């Protein structure tokens, strides 16, 4: 009789091993080589990636990483490890952490779980809102890992958790803590990571799932429509991405009389370069230069206890 031994695989995007140009180049090459992320024909993309983007972008991005690097490492890695440790302490099953790009790899995480006799894999991608470029990439990565196995585990794949009650409650608590500390702003901005508009046109329901989170959290907070806004950040390349763009929006708020804003990024399960540098520093400066006066960034849920409780609920629902 085949035993049932579940194990949990937590997955996030990944991060360079160090805030150096060489480490960032390795990471970006793997990340930007994934057709889920950039689907430009390879014959056109490879020369551009290797001859222009990586040589020019890696030194600049490494400096940005250095500006947010923590004593224990990259913020995303530090918080992801803490999430794994806290979740593992609450479960009676193995919990492993893998990254779609960089280290620890998906393969190393799956290998670790299989070596512990896991026969049923509960996969939790730490992306609250599904996208083909993130959750889809996890699915692809696992398929590639399993090519090397003669025997496969049962797989229970958690697609996303955009409206999960505990996720919304945890976000609500984080906003209320920020309001209590800094005062209620003129506007709460929820900035989600963007994707090319073309992806949505072709069937990716990511923008719908972002709207679901936005609507649920707005309702939970009891905020009127003119006190909350949804935007999209981190666009890359020249084609249109989901709008409105965070940077352009924040730059124009001061002229509209909005002087105090707080910004959160509900699509990120852990703080990283896109939140700590792009939002908290770069977009803060854009807002202040545009006539704004007061800006606060509301941190990601990271290893907050309510966040871990939400993960626990998601895993236990698969048992």
C-alpha atoms as a PDB file:
ATOM      1  CA  UNK A   1       0.000   0.000   0.000  1.00  0.00           C
ATOM      2  CA  UNK A   2       1.322   3.437  -0.955  1.00  0.00           C
ATOM      3  CA  UNK A   3       1.623   5.680   2.079  1.00  0.00           C
ATOM      4  CA  UNK A   4       0.212   9.208   2.085  1.00  0.00           C
ATOM      5  CA  UNK A   5       2.893  11.598   3.278  1.00  0.00           C
ATOM      6  CA  UNK A   6       2.197  15.249   2.417  1.00  0.00           C
ATOM      7  CA  UNK A   7       4.795  17.973   2.144  1.00  0.00           C
ATOM      8  CA  UNK A   8       4.607  21.679   1.335  1.00  0.00           C
ATOM      9  CA  UNK A   9       6.546  23.499  -1.351  1.00  0.00           C
ATOM     10  CA  UNK A  10       6.585  27.282  -0.957  1.00  0.00           C
ATOM     11  CA  UNK A  11       7.652  29.083  -4.135  1.00  0.00           C
ATOM     12  CA  UNK A  12       8.575  32.688  -4.817  1.00  0.00           C
ATOM     13  CA  UNK A  13      10.218  34.444  -7.740  1.00  0.00           C
ATOM     14  CA  UNK A  14      13.847  34.489  -6.627  1.00  0.00           C
ATOM     15  CA  UNK A  15      16.704  36.883  -6.046  1.00  0.00           C
ATOM     16  CA  UNK A  16      20.401  37.277  -6.840  1.00  0.00           C
ATOM     17  CA  UNK A  17      22.807  35.522  -4.472  1.00  0.00           C
ATOM     18  CA  UNK A  18      24.635  38.786  -3.816  1.00  0.00           C
ATOM     19  CA  UNK A  19      24.275  42.496  -4.662  1.00  0.00           C
ATOM     20  CA  UNK A  20      27.037  42.283  -7.274  1.00  0.00           C
ATOM     21  CA  UNK A  21      26.974  42.822 -11.006  1.00  0.00           C
ATOM     22  CA  UNK A  22      28.011  39.214 -11.706  1.00  0.00           C
ATOM     23  CA  UNK A  23      25.346  37.709  -9.415  1.00  0.00           C
ATOM     24  CA  UNK A  24      22.640  40.011 -10.757  1.00  0.00           C
ATOM     25  CA  UNK A  25      23.633  39.148 -14.329  1.00  0.00           C
ATOM     26  CA  UNK A  26      23.276  35.411 -13.628  1.00  0.00           C
ATOM     27  CA  UNK A  27      19.898  35.944 -12.020  1.00  0.00           C
ATOM     28  CA  UNK A  28      18.534  38.275 -14.702  1.00  0.00           C
ATOM     29  CA  UNK A  29      19.697  35.954 -17.478  1.00  0.00           C
ATOM     30  CA  UNK A  30      17.714  33.058 -16.029  1.00  0.00           C
ATOM     31  CA  UNK A  31      14.691  35.243 -15.268  1.00  0.00           C
ATOM     32  CA  UNK A  32      14.569  37.050 -18.606  1.00  0.00           C
ATOM     33  CA  UNK A  33      15.215  33.840 -20.556  1.00  0.00           C
ATOM     34  CA  UNK A  34      11.890  32.375 -19.434  1.00  0.00           C
ATOM     35  CA  UNK A  35       9.310  32.638 -22.256  1.00  0.00           C
ATOM     36  CA  UNK A  36       6.659  33.053 -19.550  1.00  0.00           C
ATOM     37  CA  UNK A  37       8.303  36.377 -18.672  1.00  0.00           C
ATOM     38  CA  UNK A  38       9.450  37.565 -22.107  1.00  0.00           C
ATOM     39  CA  UNK A  39       7.854  35.799 -25.072  1.00  0.00           C
ATOM     40  CA  UNK A  40       9.719  37.658 -27.812  1.00  0.00           C
ATOM     41  CA  UNK A  41      10.974  35.196 -30.470  1.00  0.00           C
ATOM     42  CA  UNK A  42      14.284  33.779 -29.308  1.00  0.00           C
ATOM     43  CA  UNK A  43      16.181  34.708 -32.485  1.00  0.00           C
ATOM     44  CA  UNK A  44      15.349  38.337 -31.780  1.00  0.00           C
ATOM     45  CA  UNK A  45      15.538  38.249 -27.984  1.00  0.00           C
ATOM     46  CA  UNK A  46      18.871  36.446 -27.398  1.00  0.00           C
ATOM     47  CA  UNK A  47      21.132  39.045 -29.067  1.00  0.00           C
ATOM     48  CA  UNK A  48      19.263  41.870 -27.356  1.00  0.00           C
ATOM     49  CA  UNK A  49      19.341  40.177 -23.940  1.00  0.00           C
ATOM     50  CA  UNK A  50      22.980  39.070 -24.003  1.00  0.00           C
ATOM     51  CA  UNK A  51      24.450  41.928 -25.999  1.00  0.00           C
ATOM     52  CA  UNK A  52      22.573  44.927 -24.602  1.00  0.00           C
ATOM     53  CA  UNK A  53      20.258  44.345 -21.648  1.00  0.00           C
ATOM     54  CA  UNK A  54      22.432  42.205 -19.369  1.00  0.00           C
ATOM     55  CA  UNK A  55      25.670  44.197 -19.818  1.00  0.00           C
ATOM     56  CA  UNK A  56      23.918  47.533 -19.257  1.00  0.00           C
ATOM     57  CA  UNK A  57      21.281  46.581 -16.712  1.00  0.00           C
ATOM     58  CA  UNK A  58      23.252  44.320 -14.369  1.00  0.00           C
ATOM     59  CA  UNK A  59      25.631  46.958 -12.913  1.00  0.00           C
ATOM     60  CA  UNK A  60      22.791  49.424 -12.359  1.00  0.00           C
ATOM     61  CA  UNK A  61      20.442  46.866 -10.798  1.00  0.00           C
ATOM     62  CA  UNK A  62      23.208  45.527  -8.531  1.00  0.00           C
ATOM     63  CA  UNK A  63      23.525  49.004  -6.979  1.00  0.00           C
ATOM     64  CA  UNK A  64      19.789  49.050  -6.332  1.00  0.00           C
ATOM     65  CA  UNK A  65      19.978  45.664  -4.644  1.00  0.00           C
ATOM     66  CA  UNK A  66      22.874  46.896  -2.512  1.00  0.00           C
ATOM     67  CA  UNK A  67      20.702  49.786  -1.306  1.00  0.00           C
ATOM     68  CA  UNK A  68      18.097  47.401   0.194  1.00  0.00           C
ATOM     69  CA  UNK A  69      20.297  44.424   1.131  1.00  0.00           C
ATOM     70  CA  UNK A  70      19.867  43.215   4.712  1.00  0.00           C
ATOM     71  CA  UNK A  71      22.511  41.770   7.041  1.00  0.00           C
ATOM     72  CA  UNK A  72      21.090  38.272   6.437  1.00  0.00           C
ATOM     73  CA  UNK A  73      20.828  38.719   2.661  1.00  0.00           C
ATOM     74  CA  UNK A  74      18.301  39.796   0.062  1.00  0.00           C
ATOM     75  CA  UNK A  75      15.034  40.985   1.664  1.00  0.00           C
ATOM     76  CA  UNK A  76      12.943  38.575  -0.403  1.00  0.00           C
ATOM     77  CA  UNK A  77      15.140  35.661   0.650  1.00  0.00           C
ATOM     78  CA  UNK A  78      15.248  36.703   4.305  1.00  0.00           C
ATOM     79  CA  UNK A  79      11.465  37.011   4.588  1.00  0.00           C
ATOM     80  CA  UNK A  80      10.830  33.868   2.521  1.00  0.00           C
ATOM     81  CA  UNK A  81      13.040  31.819   4.837  1.00  0.00           C
ATOM     82  CA  UNK A  82      11.241  33.225   7.868  1.00  0.00           C
ATOM     83  CA  UNK A  83       7.906  32.339   6.289  1.00  0.00           C
ATOM     84  CA  UNK A  84       9.078  28.769   5.699  1.00  0.00           C
ATOM     85  CA  UNK A  85      10.381  28.427   9.266  1.00  0.00           C
ATOM     86  CA  UNK A  86       7.203  29.786  10.856  1.00  0.00           C
ATOM     87  CA  UNK A  87       4.918  27.678   8.678  1.00  0.00           C
ATOM     88  CA  UNK A  88       6.984  24.545   9.307  1.00  0.00           C
ATOM     89  CA  UNK A  89       6.710  25.144  13.059  1.00  0.00           C
ATOM     90  CA  UNK A  90       2.905  25.020  12.743  1.00  0.00           C
ATOM     91  CA  UNK A  91       2.692  21.895  10.557  1.00  0.00           C
ATOM     92  CA  UNK A  92       3.410  18.221  11.094  1.00  0.00           C
ATOM     93  CA  UNK A  93       4.844  17.790   7.615  1.00  0.00           C
ATOM     94  CA  UNK A  94       8.001  18.858   5.756  1.00  0.00           C
ATOM     95  CA  UNK A  95       8.077  22.377   4.299  1.00  0.00           C
ATOM     96  CA  UNK A  96      10.618  23.408   1.669  1.00  0.00           C
ATOM     97  CA  UNK A  97      11.331  26.719  -0.068  1.00  0.00           C
ATOM     98  CA  UNK A  98      12.167  26.943  -3.754  1.00  0.00           C
ATOM     99  CA  UNK A  99      12.588  29.821  -6.192  1.00  0.00           C
ATOM    100  CA  UNK A 100      11.595  29.946  -9.838  1.00  0.00           C
ATOM    101  CA  UNK A 101      14.924  31.647 -10.566  1.00  0.00           C
ATOM    102  CA  UNK A 102      18.153  31.560  -8.581  1.00  0.00           C
ATOM    103  CA  UNK A 103      18.702  29.704  -5.324  1.00  0.00           C
ATOM    104  CA  UNK A 104      17.345  27.649  -3.654  1.00  0.00           C
ATOM    105  CA  UNK A 105      16.105  26.177  -6.913  1.00  0.00           C
ATOM    106  CA  UNK A 106      12.796  24.418  -7.402  1.00  0.00           C
ATOM    107  CA  UNK A 107      14.730  21.218  -8.050  1.00  0.00           C
ATOM    108  CA  UNK A 108      16.650  21.424  -4.774  1.00  0.00           C
ATOM    109  CA  UNK A 109      13.401  21.996  -2.863  1.00  0.00           C
ATOM    110  CA  UNK A 110      11.570  19.123  -4.554  1.00  0.00           C
ATOM    111  CA  UNK A 111      14.584  16.837  -4.121  1.00  0.00           C
ATOM    112  CA  UNK A 112      14.625  17.658  -0.408  1.00  0.00           C
ATOM    113  CA  UNK A 113      10.955  16.825   0.024  1.00  0.00           C
ATOM    114  CA  UNK A 114      11.164  13.616  -1.979  1.00  0.00           C
ATOM    115  CA  UNK A 115      14.194  12.525   0.034  1.00  0.00           C
ATOM    116  CA  UNK A 116      11.999  12.821   3.127  1.00  0.00           C
ATOM    117  CA  UNK A 117       9.514  10.371   1.635  1.00  0.00           C
ATOM    118  CA  UNK A 118       6.861  12.895   0.545  1.00  0.00           C
ATOM    119  CA  UNK A 119       4.238  11.287  -1.693  1.00  0.00           C
ATOM    120  CA  UNK A 120       1.809  14.206  -1.912  1.00  0.00           C
ATOM    121  CA  UNK A 121       3.107  17.655  -2.781  1.00  0.00           C
ATOM    122  CA  UNK A 122       1.104  20.736  -1.760  1.00  0.00           C
ATOM    123  CA  UNK A 123       2.452  23.570  -3.896  1.00  0.00           C
ATOM    124  CA  UNK A 124       1.878  27.122  -2.641  1.00  0.00           C
ATOM    125  CA  UNK A 125       3.178  29.788  -5.029  1.00  0.00           C
ATOM    126  CA  UNK A 126       3.457  32.987  -3.002  1.00  0.00           C
ATOM    127  CA  UNK A 127       1.636  35.091  -5.582  1.00  0.00           C
ATOM    128  CA  UNK A 128      -1.767  36.202  -4.259  1.00  0.00           C
ATOM    129  CA  UNK A 129      -3.056  36.907  -7.784  1.00  0.00           C
ATOM    130  CA  UNK A 130      -2.539  34.369 -10.563  1.00  0.00           C
ATOM    131  CA  UNK A 131      -0.539  35.378 -13.617  1.00  0.00           C
ATOM    132  CA  UNK A 132       0.828  33.256 -16.425  1.00  0.00           C
ATOM    133  CA  UNK A 133       4.185  34.986 -15.881  1.00  0.00           C
ATOM    134  CA  UNK A 134       4.475  33.954 -12.220  1.00  0.00           C
ATOM    135  CA  UNK A 135       2.228  31.055 -11.194  1.00  0.00           C
ATOM    136  CA  UNK A 136       2.400  29.675 -14.731  1.00  0.00           C
ATOM    137  CA  UNK A 137       6.194  29.728 -14.502  1.00  0.00           C
ATOM    138  CA  UNK A 138       6.036  27.680 -11.281  1.00  0.00           C
ATOM    139  CA  UNK A 139       3.916  25.066 -13.052  1.00  0.00           C
ATOM    140  CA  UNK A 140       6.409  24.933 -15.926  1.00  0.00           C
ATOM    141  CA  UNK A 141       9.340  24.707 -13.540  1.00  0.00           C
ATOM    142  CA  UNK A 142       7.847  21.796 -11.636  1.00  0.00           C
ATOM    143  CA  UNK A 143       7.092  19.970 -14.876  1.00  0.00           C
ATOM    144  CA  UNK A 144      10.736  20.318 -15.852  1.00  0.00           C
ATOM    145  CA  UNK A 145      11.911  19.071 -12.442  1.00  0.00           C
ATOM    146  CA  UNK A 146       9.653  16.019 -12.624  1.00  0.00           C
ATOM    147  CA  UNK A 147      11.124  14.991 -15.981  1.00  0.00           C
ATOM    148  CA  UNK A 148      13.998  13.492 -14.002  1.00  0.00           C
ATOM    149  CA  UNK A 149      11.807  11.360 -11.729  1.00  0.00           C
ATOM    150  CA  UNK A 150      10.702   7.788 -12.345  1.00  0.00           C
ATOM    151  CA  UNK A 151       7.975   8.053  -9.694  1.00  0.00           C
ATOM    152  CA  UNK A 152       5.921  11.186  -9.206  1.00  0.00           C
ATOM    153  CA  UNK A 153       4.069  12.484  -6.138  1.00  0.00           C
ATOM    154  CA  UNK A 154       0.446  13.504  -6.170  1.00  0.00           C
ATOM    155  CA  UNK A 155       0.376  17.268  -6.683  1.00  0.00           C
ATOM    156  CA  UNK A 156      -2.092  19.717  -5.182  1.00  0.00           C
ATOM    157  CA  UNK A 157      -1.454  23.106  -6.731  1.00  0.00           C
ATOM    158  CA  UNK A 158      -2.860  26.252  -5.100  1.00  0.00           C
ATOM    159  CA  UNK A 159      -3.588  28.566  -8.017  1.00  0.00           C
ATOM    160  CA  UNK A 160      -3.905  31.799  -6.024  1.00  0.00           C
ATOM    161  CA  UNK A 161      -5.592  33.356  -3.007  1.00  0.00           C
ATOM    162  CA  UNK A 162      -6.638  36.817  -4.172  1.00  0.00           C
ATOM    163  CA  UNK A 163      -9.816  36.920  -2.070  1.00  0.00           C
ATOM    164  CA  UNK A 164      -8.973  34.540   0.748  1.00  0.00           C
ATOM    165  CA  UNK A 165     -10.598  35.939   3.927  1.00  0.00           C
ATOM    166  CA  UNK A 166      -7.421  35.608   6.008  1.00  0.00           C
ATOM    167  CA  UNK A 167      -5.343  37.285   3.294  1.00  0.00           C
ATOM    168  CA  UNK A 168      -7.744  40.231   3.151  1.00  0.00           C
ATOM    169  CA  UNK A 169      -7.880  40.375   6.967  1.00  0.00           C
ATOM    170  CA  UNK A 170      -4.073  40.434   7.194  1.00  0.00           C
ATOM    171  CA  UNK A 171      -3.875  43.236   4.634  1.00  0.00           C
ATOM    172  CA  UNK A 172      -6.588  45.140   6.495  1.00  0.00           C
ATOM    173  CA  UNK A 173      -4.645  44.870   9.747  1.00  0.00           C
ATOM    174  CA  UNK A 174      -1.469  46.156   8.094  1.00  0.00           C
ATOM    175  CA  UNK A 175      -3.305  49.182   6.681  1.00  0.00           C
ATOM    176  CA  UNK A 176      -4.981  49.952   9.987  1.00  0.00           C
ATOM    177  CA  UNK A 177      -1.613  49.818  11.778  1.00  0.00           C
ATOM    178  CA  UNK A 178      -0.199  52.280   9.273  1.00  0.00           C
ATOM    179  CA  UNK A 179      -3.204  54.609   9.592  1.00  0.00           C
ATOM    180  CA  UNK A 180      -2.886  54.517  13.383  1.00  0.00           C
ATOM    181  CA  UNK A 181       0.815  55.336  13.220  1.00  0.00           C
ATOM    182  CA  UNK A 182       0.850  57.983  10.480  1.00  0.00           C
ATOM    183  CA  UNK A 183      -2.726  59.226  10.324  1.00  0.00           C
ATOM    184  CA  UNK A 184      -5.274  58.446   7.623  1.00  0.00           C
ATOM    185  CA  UNK A 185      -3.976  59.664   4.239  1.00  0.00           C
ATOM    186  CA  UNK A 186      -5.782  61.563   1.534  1.00  0.00           C
ATOM    187  CA  UNK A 187      -5.387  58.474  -0.629  1.00  0.00           C
ATOM    188  CA  UNK A 188      -4.449  54.819  -0.192  1.00  0.00           C
ATOM    189  CA  UNK A 189      -2.724  53.490  -3.311  1.00  0.00           C
ATOM    190  CA  UNK A 190      -2.614  49.738  -3.988  1.00  0.00           C
ATOM    191  CA  UNK A 191       0.196  49.198  -6.458  1.00  0.00           C
ATOM    192  CA  UNK A 192       0.273  45.780  -8.131  1.00  0.00           C
ATOM    193  CA  UNK A 193       3.082  44.478 -10.319  1.00  0.00           C
ATOM    194  CA  UNK A 194       2.200  45.001 -13.956  1.00  0.00           C
ATOM    195  CA  UNK A 195       2.168  42.656 -16.929  1.00  0.00           C
ATOM    196  CA  UNK A 196       1.959  43.459 -20.643  1.00  0.00           C
ATOM    197  CA  UNK A 197      -1.605  44.361 -21.608  1.00  0.00           C
ATOM    198  CA  UNK A 198      -1.240  41.819 -24.405  1.00  0.00           C
ATOM    199  CA  UNK A 199      -1.014  38.992 -21.845  1.00  0.00           C
ATOM    200  CA  UNK A 200      -4.409  40.002 -20.465  1.00  0.00           C
ATOM    201  CA  UNK A 201      -5.841  40.299 -23.964  1.00  0.00           C
ATOM    202  CA  UNK A 202      -4.686  36.742 -24.608  1.00  0.00           C
ATOM    203  CA  UNK A 203      -6.433  35.335 -21.545  1.00  0.00           C
ATOM    204  CA  UNK A 204      -4.344  35.971 -18.428  1.00  0.00           C
ATOM    205  CA  UNK A 205      -6.901  36.837 -15.723  1.00  0.00           C
ATOM    206  CA  UNK A 206      -4.290  38.573 -13.554  1.00  0.00           C
ATOM    207  CA  UNK A 207      -5.868  42.061 -13.781  1.00  0.00           C
ATOM    208  CA  UNK A 208      -9.223  40.566 -12.780  1.00  0.00           C
ATOM    209  CA  UNK A 209      -7.667  38.918  -9.735  1.00  0.00           C
ATOM    210  CA  UNK A 210      -5.979  42.208  -8.786  1.00  0.00           C
ATOM    211  CA  UNK A 211      -9.349  43.928  -8.983  1.00  0.00           C
ATOM    212  CA  UNK A 212     -10.819  41.188  -6.798  1.00  0.00           C
ATOM    213  CA  UNK A 213      -8.215  41.874  -4.098  1.00  0.00           C
ATOM    214  CA  UNK A 214      -8.665  45.624  -4.461  1.00  0.00           C
ATOM    215  CA  UNK A 215     -12.447  45.400  -4.124  1.00  0.00           C
ATOM    216  CA  UNK A 216     -12.340  43.011  -1.150  1.00  0.00           C
ATOM    217  CA  UNK A 217      -9.796  45.083   0.771  1.00  0.00           C
ATOM    218  CA  UNK A 218     -11.545  48.373  -0.010  1.00  0.00           C
ATOM    219  CA  UNK A 219     -14.789  46.934   1.318  1.00  0.00           C
ATOM    220  CA  UNK A 220     -13.093  45.523   4.420  1.00  0.00           C
ATOM    221  CA  UNK A 221     -11.530  48.899   5.192  1.00  0.00           C
ATOM    222  CA  UNK A 222     -14.782  50.764   4.552  1.00  0.00           C
ATOM    223  CA  UNK A 223     -13.037  53.369   2.409  1.00  0.00           C
ATOM    224  CA  UNK A 224     -14.984  55.521  -0.062  1.00  0.00           C
ATOM    225  CA  UNK A 225     -14.068  55.267  -3.738  1.00  0.00           C
ATOM    226  CA  UNK A 226     -12.238  58.615  -3.773  1.00  0.00           C
ATOM    227  CA  UNK A 227      -9.873  57.574  -0.969  1.00  0.00           C
ATOM    228  CA  UNK A 228      -8.403  54.477  -2.619  1.00  0.00           C
ATOM    229  CA  UNK A 229      -6.805  53.740  -5.987  1.00  0.00           C
ATOM    230  CA  UNK A 230      -5.320  50.772  -7.858  1.00  0.00           C
ATOM    231  CA  UNK A 231      -2.211  51.161 -10.040  1.00  0.00           C
ATOM    232  CA  UNK A 232       0.408  48.939 -11.731  1.00  0.00           C
ATOM    233  CA  UNK A 233       4.171  49.190 -11.345  1.00  0.00           C
ATOM    234  CA  UNK A 234       7.447  47.781 -12.694  1.00  0.00           C
ATOM    235  CA  UNK A 235       6.766  47.896 -16.429  1.00  0.00           C
ATOM    236  CA  UNK A 236       9.589  46.765 -18.704  1.00  0.00           C
ATOM    237  CA  UNK A 237      10.076  47.306 -22.422  1.00  0.00           C
ATOM    238  CA  UNK A 238       8.156  49.426 -24.878  1.00  0.00           C
ATOM    239  CA  UNK A 239       4.809  47.690 -25.328  1.00  0.00           C
ATOM    240  CA  UNK A 240       1.779  48.844 -23.293  1.00  0.00           C
ATOM    241  CA  UNK A 241       1.393  47.321 -19.825  1.00  0.00           C
ATOM    242  CA  UNK A 242      -1.582  47.341 -17.476  1.00  0.00           C
ATOM    243  CA  UNK A 243      -2.625  50.869 -16.557  1.00  0.00           C
ATOM    244  CA  UNK A 244      -2.703  53.215 -14.747  1.00  0.00           C
ATOM    245  CA  UNK A 245       1.054  53.236 -14.185  1.00  0.00           C
ATOM    246  CA  UNK A 246       2.094  53.793 -10.572  1.00  0.00           C
ATOM    247  CA  UNK A 247       4.949  56.220 -11.227  1.00  0.00           C
ATOM    248  CA  UNK A 248       2.999  58.447 -13.631  1.00  0.00           C
ATOM    249  CA  UNK A 249      -0.048  58.423 -11.356  1.00  0.00           C
ATOM    250  CA  UNK A 250       1.896  59.360  -8.226  1.00  0.00           C
ATOM    251  CA  UNK A 251       3.693  62.127 -10.072  1.00  0.00           C
ATOM    252  CA  UNK A 252       0.387  63.847 -10.847  1.00  0.00           C
ATOM    253  CA  UNK A 253      -1.382  63.540  -7.495  1.00  0.00           C
ATOM    254  CA  UNK A 254       0.112  66.633  -5.866  1.00  0.00           C
ATOM    255  CA  UNK A 255      -1.298  68.886  -8.583  1.00  0.00           C
ATOM    256  CA  UNK A 256      -4.741  67.435  -7.799  1.00  0.00           C
ATOM    257  CA  UNK A 257      -4.483  68.497  -4.154  1.00  0.00           C
ATOM    258  CA  UNK A 258      -3.582  65.072  -2.782  1.00  0.00           C
ATOM    259  CA  UNK A 259      -0.753  65.803  -0.348  1.00  0.00           C
ATOM    260  CA  UNK A 260      -0.615  62.705   1.857  1.00  0.00           C
ATOM    261  CA  UNK A 261      -0.606  59.171   0.485  1.00  0.00           C
ATOM    262  CA  UNK A 262       0.175  55.701   1.732  1.00  0.00           C
ATOM    263  CA  UNK A 263       1.173  53.020  -0.747  1.00  0.00           C
ATOM    264  CA  UNK A 264       1.014  49.245  -0.418  1.00  0.00           C
ATOM    265  CA  UNK A 265       1.822  46.438  -2.860  1.00  0.00           C
ATOM    266  CA  UNK A 266      -0.686  43.636  -2.162  1.00  0.00           C
ATOM    267  CA  UNK A 267       0.681  41.438  -4.937  1.00  0.00           C
ATOM    268  CA  UNK A 268       3.959  40.840  -3.104  1.00  0.00           C
ATOM    269  CA  UNK A 269       4.088  38.232  -0.338  1.00  0.00           C
ATOM    270  CA  UNK A 270       7.507  39.502   0.749  1.00  0.00           C
ATOM    271  CA  UNK A 271       9.262  42.829   0.478  1.00  0.00           C
ATOM    272  CA  UNK A 272      11.833  42.969  -2.299  1.00  0.00           C
ATOM    273  CA  UNK A 273      13.549  45.351  -4.703  1.00  0.00           C
ATOM    274  CA  UNK A 274      10.236  46.321  -6.319  1.00  0.00           C
ATOM    275  CA  UNK A 275       8.738  47.432  -3.019  1.00  0.00           C
ATOM    276  CA  UNK A 276      11.671  48.667  -0.948  1.00  0.00           C
ATOM    277  CA  UNK A 277      13.473  50.545  -3.713  1.00  0.00           C
ATOM    278  CA  UNK A 278      10.986  51.146  -6.514  1.00  0.00           C
ATOM    279  CA  UNK A 279       8.006  52.096  -4.345  1.00  0.00           C
ATOM    280  CA  UNK A 280       9.453  53.256  -1.035  1.00  0.00           C
ATOM    281  CA  UNK A 281      12.305  55.275  -2.560  1.00  0.00           C
ATOM    282  CA  UNK A 282      11.864  55.963  -6.271  1.00  0.00           C
ATOM    283  CA  UNK A 283       8.097  56.493  -6.323  1.00  0.00           C
ATOM    284  CA  UNK A 284       8.199  58.381  -3.043  1.00  0.00           C
ATOM    285  CA  UNK A 285      10.585  60.850  -4.677  1.00  0.00           C
ATOM    286  CA  UNK A 286       8.335  61.111  -7.729  1.00  0.00           C
ATOM    287  CA  UNK A 287       5.331  61.922  -5.522  1.00  0.00           C
ATOM    288  CA  UNK A 288       7.188  64.547  -3.479  1.00  0.00           C
ATOM    289  CA  UNK A 289       8.652  66.217  -6.564  1.00  0.00           C
ATOM    290  CA  UNK A 290       5.144  66.394  -8.033  1.00  0.00           C
ATOM    291  CA  UNK A 291       3.863  68.458  -5.125  1.00  0.00           C
ATOM    292  CA  UNK A 292       3.055  65.791  -2.574  1.00  0.00           C
ATOM    293  CA  UNK A 293       4.036  66.370   1.022  1.00  0.00           C
ATOM    294  CA  UNK A 294       3.769  63.102   2.974  1.00  0.00           C
ATOM    295  CA  UNK A 295       4.401  59.537   1.792  1.00  0.00           C
ATOM    296  CA  UNK A 296       4.426  56.248   3.687  1.00  0.00           C
ATOM    297  CA  UNK A 297       4.997  52.773   2.337  1.00  0.00           C
ATOM    298  CA  UNK A 298       2.990  49.996   4.018  1.00  0.00           C
ATOM    299  CA  UNK A 299       5.242  46.910   4.169  1.00  0.00           C
ATOM    300  CA  UNK A 300       4.356  43.585   2.606  1.00  0.00           C
ATOM    301  CA  UNK A 301       2.906  40.960   4.931  1.00  0.00           C
ATOM    302  CA  UNK A 302       6.282  39.174   5.097  1.00  0.00           C
ATOM    303  CA  UNK A 303       6.386  36.844   8.143  1.00  0.00           C
ATOM    304  CA  UNK A 304       3.548  38.575  10.001  1.00  0.00           C
ATOM    305  CA  UNK A 305       1.643  36.075  12.122  1.00  0.00           C
ATOM    306  CA  UNK A 306      -1.658  36.731  10.317  1.00  0.00           C
ATOM    307  CA  UNK A 307       0.084  36.011   7.012  1.00  0.00           C
ATOM    308  CA  UNK A 308       1.371  32.693   8.317  1.00  0.00           C
ATOM    309  CA  UNK A 309      -2.125  31.817   9.581  1.00  0.00           C
ATOM    310  CA  UNK A 310      -3.415  32.414   6.062  1.00  0.00           C
ATOM    311  CA  UNK A 311      -0.778  30.056   4.612  1.00  0.00           C
ATOM    312  CA  UNK A 312      -1.704  27.494   7.249  1.00  0.00           C
ATOM    313  CA  UNK A 313      -5.358  27.700   6.200  1.00  0.00           C
ATOM    314  CA  UNK A 314      -4.432  27.231   2.527  1.00  0.00           C
ATOM    315  CA  UNK A 315      -2.336  24.164   3.276  1.00  0.00           C
ATOM    316  CA  UNK A 316      -4.824  22.619   5.700  1.00  0.00           C
ATOM    317  CA  UNK A 317      -7.589  22.957   3.108  1.00  0.00           C
ATOM    318  CA  UNK A 318      -5.584  20.525   0.939  1.00  0.00           C
ATOM    319  CA  UNK A 319      -5.242  17.859   3.657  1.00  0.00           C
END
